[in-house]
């Protein structure tokens, strides 16, 4: 959630409210995650937050693509004994 904050120069800043959570990991996974985050110059918290954010975005994009696909009307691939289109014509 973003909360607007206006300073004395009438510039609008947004304060992003973050939520703290507790994550339980097995020792091997926790060690790997700490090393991975450190190698990418990130805190473990930032690494996990970005990972979850990316997963959320990809999931939303997949759902939207699936809805667009299923919204299309079905159509015939061939007409009146004509041969089916070549694969390249369908996917090219």
Protein backbone atom coordinates (compact mmCIF):
# COMPACT_ATOMS: atom_id res chain seq x y z
CA UNK A 1 0.00 0.00 0.00
CA UNK A 2 1.33 3.43 -0.93
CA UNK A 3 0.54 6.37 1.32
CA UNK A 4 1.01 9.85 -0.22
CA UNK A 5 3.13 12.30 1.73
CA UNK A 6 3.47 15.95 0.72
CA UNK A 7 6.42 17.96 2.03
CA UNK A 8 6.69 21.74 2.30
CA UNK A 9 7.75 22.15 -1.38
CA UNK A 10 4.54 20.48 -2.59
CA UNK A 11 6.47 17.52 -3.93
CA UNK A 12 4.55 14.30 -3.52
CA UNK A 13 6.43 11.36 -2.09
CA UNK A 14 5.01 7.93 -1.51
CA UNK A 15 5.75 5.92 1.58
CA UNK A 16 5.51 2.23 0.79
CA UNK A 17 4.12 0.24 3.68
CA UNK A 18 5.92 -3.09 3.93
CA UNK A 19 4.69 -6.16 5.74
CA UNK A 20 7.06 -8.26 7.86
CA UNK A 21 6.61 -12.00 7.69
CA UNK A 22 8.37 -15.02 9.15
CA UNK A 23 9.65 -17.68 6.77
CA UNK A 24 10.71 -21.11 7.95
CA UNK A 25 13.33 -22.86 5.81
CA UNK A 26 15.33 -26.00 6.29
CA UNK A 27 19.02 -25.35 7.01
CA UNK A 28 20.28 -26.32 3.56
CA UNK A 29 17.78 -24.09 1.76
CA UNK A 30 18.41 -21.18 4.12
CA UNK A 31 22.18 -21.46 3.60
CA UNK A 32 21.78 -21.57 -0.18
CA UNK A 33 19.42 -18.57 -0.15
CA UNK A 34 21.80 -16.49 2.01
CA UNK A 35 24.74 -17.23 -0.31
CA UNK A 36 22.68 -16.58 -3.45
CA UNK A 37 21.42 -13.25 -2.10
CA UNK A 38 24.93 -12.21 -1.01
CA UNK A 39 26.37 -13.05 -4.45
CA UNK A 40 23.77 -10.74 -5.98
CA UNK A 41 24.43 -7.98 -3.42
CA UNK A 42 20.98 -8.31 -1.87
CA UNK A 43 19.65 -9.01 1.55
CA UNK A 44 17.85 -12.30 2.00
CA UNK A 45 14.66 -10.34 2.64
CA UNK A 46 14.99 -8.39 -0.64
CA UNK A 47 15.85 -11.57 -2.58
CA UNK A 48 12.75 -13.38 -1.27
CA UNK A 49 10.56 -10.33 -1.86
CA UNK A 50 11.72 -9.99 -5.47
CA UNK A 51 11.31 -13.72 -6.06
CA UNK A 52 7.74 -13.67 -4.77
CA UNK A 53 6.92 -10.49 -6.69
CA UNK A 54 8.23 -12.00 -9.95
CA UNK A 55 6.27 -15.20 -9.33
CA UNK A 56 3.11 -13.19 -8.65
CA UNK A 57 3.58 -11.14 -11.85
CA UNK A 58 4.26 -14.24 -13.98
CA UNK A 59 1.20 -15.97 -12.55
CA UNK A 60 -0.99 -12.96 -13.31
CA UNK A 61 0.41 -12.69 -16.86
CA UNK A 62 -0.22 -16.41 -17.45
CA UNK A 63 -3.81 -16.10 -16.20
CA UNK A 64 -4.42 -13.09 -18.46
CA UNK A 65 -2.97 -14.91 -21.49
CA UNK A 66 -5.11 -17.95 -20.75
CA UNK A 67 -8.24 -15.78 -20.49
CA UNK A 68 -7.42 -14.12 -23.84
CA UNK A 69 -6.91 -17.53 -25.44
CA UNK A 70 -10.16 -18.99 -24.15
CA UNK A 71 -12.07 -15.83 -25.13
CA UNK A 72 -11.35 -16.51 -28.80
CA UNK A 73 -14.04 -18.25 -30.82
CA UNK A 74 -13.07 -21.63 -32.28
CA UNK A 75 -12.53 -21.72 -36.02
CA UNK A 76 -12.20 -24.45 -38.60
CA UNK A 77 -8.75 -25.29 -39.91
CA UNK A 78 -9.91 -26.44 -43.31
CA UNK A 79 -12.86 -25.70 -45.58
CA UNK A 80 -14.67 -27.89 -48.10
CA UNK A 81 -12.21 -30.80 -48.37
CA UNK A 82 -9.21 -28.46 -48.56
CA UNK A 83 -5.99 -29.76 -46.99
CA UNK A 84 -5.14 -28.71 -43.49
CA UNK A 85 -2.69 -25.79 -43.25
CA UNK A 86 1.00 -26.58 -42.85
CA UNK A 87 2.50 -26.23 -39.37
CA UNK A 88 4.51 -23.19 -40.49
CA UNK A 89 1.31 -21.44 -41.58
CA UNK A 90 -0.26 -21.99 -38.15
CA UNK A 91 2.73 -21.09 -35.99
CA UNK A 92 4.92 -19.00 -38.30
